[in-house]
Structure formats: structure tokens, C-alpha cells
Amino acid sequence: MPEILIYTTHICPYCIMAKRLLDKKGVSYTEINVDGNTGLREDMMRKTKRRTVPQIYIGDFHVGGFDELHALDQQKKLDTLLAT
């Protein structure tokens, strides 16, 4: 199973939904909360080229945010990606 990384904030409803979907899939992930830590947010923006959270990586693949994660699940591609 690939390493899963998710950048979040505490008040982000999309972060909560992304974590719930990953929890439902029974996978573990590393959460990096960027609240109040300018350095972590800057690292995330440098890595993803995006400012919004969540930002999700499955292995080296940058999924994007919750919308993209949910779309992968709806297209039945998420399980395959999680299994690689």
C-alpha cells in the first residue's frame, strides 16, 4: 500500500470529508495540519502549486483535493490506486 499524505486545516469541511473517505477505505494516512504554521503551508504550496486544502498524495501521485479524490472513488479508480 502506498504512503498517503494529506495536508489539512482544522476548520476545513473538505478535509474532514477526505479523511472520512480514506477512513472508510480502511487506509492509514499521514496528516499534516498547516494551521498556524506558515512554513508548513509554504512547503505545501511549493510542492503542490496550490493554496487550498486538502491536498492529497497517494504515493508520488498528487490527487489534488477532495473533489478529485471523490471523483476517483466514483470512477472506481481509487481502490486500485490505494492498492498499488
C-alpha atoms as a PDB file:
ATOM      1  CA  MET A   1       0.000   0.000   0.000  1.00  0.00           C
ATOM      2  CA  PRO A   2       1.424   3.407  -0.921  1.00  0.00           C
ATOM      3  CA  GLU A   3       2.016   6.118   1.645  1.00  0.00           C
ATOM      4  CA  ILE A   4      -0.855   8.588   1.794  1.00  0.00           C
ATOM      5  CA  LEU A   5      -0.232  12.199   2.759  1.00  0.00           C
ATOM      6  CA  ILE A   6      -2.947  14.771   3.336  1.00  0.00           C
ATOM      7  CA  TYR A   7      -2.438  18.462   4.083  1.00  0.00           C
ATOM      8  CA  THR A   8      -5.317  19.843   6.166  1.00  0.00           C
ATOM      9  CA  THR A   9      -6.620  22.560   8.463  1.00  0.00           C
ATOM     10  CA  HIS A  10      -8.947  22.111  11.436  1.00  0.00           C
ATOM     11  CA  ILE A  11     -11.884  24.108  10.053  1.00  0.00           C
ATOM     12  CA  CYS A  12     -11.926  22.730   6.508  1.00  0.00           C
ATOM     13  CA  PRO A  13     -15.058  20.676   5.759  1.00  0.00           C
ATOM     14  CA  TYR A  14     -13.441  19.214   2.623  1.00  0.00           C
ATOM     15  CA  CYS A  15     -10.521  17.988   4.740  1.00  0.00           C
ATOM     16  CA  ILE A  16     -12.962  16.236   7.055  1.00  0.00           C
ATOM     17  CA  MET A  17     -14.762  14.630   4.110  1.00  0.00           C
ATOM     18  CA  ALA A  18     -11.472  13.475   2.558  1.00  0.00           C
ATOM     19  CA  LYS A  19     -10.336  11.906   5.834  1.00  0.00           C
ATOM     20  CA  ARG A  20     -13.726  10.196   6.243  1.00  0.00           C
ATOM     21  CA  LEU A  21     -13.476   8.711   2.761  1.00  0.00           C
ATOM     22  CA  LEU A  22      -9.960   7.436   3.439  1.00  0.00           C
ATOM     23  CA  ASP A  23     -11.082   6.078   6.820  1.00  0.00           C
ATOM     24  CA  LYS A  24     -13.992   4.308   5.092  1.00  0.00           C
ATOM     25  CA  LYS A  25     -11.474   2.703   2.736  1.00  0.00           C
ATOM     26  CA  GLY A  26      -9.586   1.443   5.795  1.00  0.00           C
ATOM     27  CA  VAL A  27      -6.283   3.037   4.845  1.00  0.00           C
ATOM     28  CA  SER A  28      -3.874   4.857   7.084  1.00  0.00           C
ATOM     29  CA  TYR A  29      -2.527   8.268   6.160  1.00  0.00           C
ATOM     30  CA  THR A  30      -0.220  10.942   7.441  1.00  0.00           C
ATOM     31  CA  GLU A  31      -1.973  14.218   8.155  1.00  0.00           C
ATOM     32  CA  ILE A  32      -0.062  17.472   8.075  1.00  0.00           C
ATOM     33  CA  ASN A  33      -2.092  20.261   9.616  1.00  0.00           C
ATOM     34  CA  VAL A  34      -0.949  23.609   8.213  1.00  0.00           C
ATOM     35  CA  ASP A  35      -2.993  25.753  10.644  1.00  0.00           C
ATOM     36  CA  GLY A  36      -0.858  28.476  12.111  1.00  0.00           C
ATOM     37  CA  ASN A  37       2.376  27.172  10.635  1.00  0.00           C
ATOM     38  CA  THR A  38       3.449  29.369   7.762  1.00  0.00           C
ATOM     39  CA  GLY A  39       6.400  27.122   6.975  1.00  0.00           C
ATOM     40  CA  LEU A  40       4.235  24.013   6.535  1.00  0.00           C
ATOM     41  CA  ARG A  41       1.750  25.890   4.353  1.00  0.00           C
ATOM     42  CA  GLU A  42       4.594  27.263   2.222  1.00  0.00           C
ATOM     43  CA  ASP A  43       6.043  23.751   1.878  1.00  0.00           C
ATOM     44  CA  MET A  44       2.617  22.501   0.766  1.00  0.00           C
ATOM     45  CA  MET A  45       2.220  25.322  -1.767  1.00  0.00           C
ATOM     46  CA  ARG A  46       5.712  24.756  -3.153  1.00  0.00           C
ATOM     47  CA  LYS A  47       5.068  21.020  -3.505  1.00  0.00           C
ATOM     48  CA  THR A  48       1.505  21.157  -4.869  1.00  0.00           C
ATOM     49  CA  LYS A  49       1.417  24.569  -6.609  1.00  0.00           C
ATOM     50  CA  ARG A  50      -1.916  25.114  -4.803  1.00  0.00           C
ATOM     51  CA  ARG A  51      -3.021  27.156  -1.795  1.00  0.00           C
ATOM     52  CA  THR A  52      -6.155  25.263  -0.777  1.00  0.00           C
ATOM     53  CA  VAL A  53      -6.598  22.273   1.486  1.00  0.00           C
ATOM     54  CA  PRO A  54      -6.906  19.390   1.473  1.00  0.00           C
ATOM     55  CA  GLN A  55      -4.038  18.428  -0.767  1.00  0.00           C
ATOM     56  CA  ILE A  56      -3.705  14.678  -1.051  1.00  0.00           C
ATOM     57  CA  TYR A  57      -0.869  12.464  -2.249  1.00  0.00           C
ATOM     58  CA  ILE A  58      -1.111   8.734  -2.759  1.00  0.00           C
ATOM     59  CA  GLY A  59       2.471   7.653  -3.143  1.00  0.00           C
ATOM     60  CA  ASP A  60       4.053  10.095  -5.598  1.00  0.00           C
ATOM     61  CA  PHE A  61       0.695  10.794  -7.280  1.00  0.00           C
ATOM     62  CA  HIS A  62      -0.803  14.199  -6.434  1.00  0.00           C
ATOM     63  CA  VAL A  63      -4.537  13.545  -6.302  1.00  0.00           C
ATOM     64  CA  GLY A  64      -5.433  17.153  -5.562  1.00  0.00           C
ATOM     65  CA  GLY A  65      -8.294  17.978  -3.229  1.00  0.00           C
ATOM     66  CA  PHE A  66     -11.438  16.255  -2.027  1.00  0.00           C
ATOM     67  CA  ASP A  67     -13.279  16.734  -5.324  1.00  0.00           C
ATOM     68  CA  GLU A  68     -10.584  14.829  -7.202  1.00  0.00           C
ATOM     69  CA  LEU A  69     -10.401  12.132  -4.513  1.00  0.00           C
ATOM     70  CA  HIS A  70     -14.172  11.680  -4.617  1.00  0.00           C
ATOM     71  CA  ALA A  71     -14.148  11.587  -8.424  1.00  0.00           C
ATOM     72  CA  LEU A  72     -11.541   8.806  -8.374  1.00  0.00           C
ATOM     73  CA  ASP A  73     -13.770   6.865  -5.984  1.00  0.00           C
ATOM     74  CA  GLN A  74     -16.848   7.377  -8.170  1.00  0.00           C
ATOM     75  CA  GLN A  75     -14.903   6.216 -11.237  1.00  0.00           C
ATOM     76  CA  LYS A  76     -13.844   3.077  -9.309  1.00  0.00           C
ATOM     77  CA  LYS A  77     -10.168   4.070  -9.671  1.00  0.00           C
ATOM     78  CA  LEU A  78      -9.401   4.930  -6.042  1.00  0.00           C
ATOM     79  CA  ASP A  79      -9.251   1.348  -4.775  1.00  0.00           C
ATOM     80  CA  THR A  80      -6.764   0.429  -7.498  1.00  0.00           C
ATOM     81  CA  LEU A  81      -4.633   3.457  -6.694  1.00  0.00           C
ATOM     82  CA  LEU A  82      -4.678   2.617  -2.986  1.00  0.00           C
ATOM     83  CA  ALA A  83      -3.645  -0.977  -3.676  1.00  0.00           C
ATOM     84  CA  THR A  84      -0.559  -0.176  -5.760  1.00  0.00           C
END
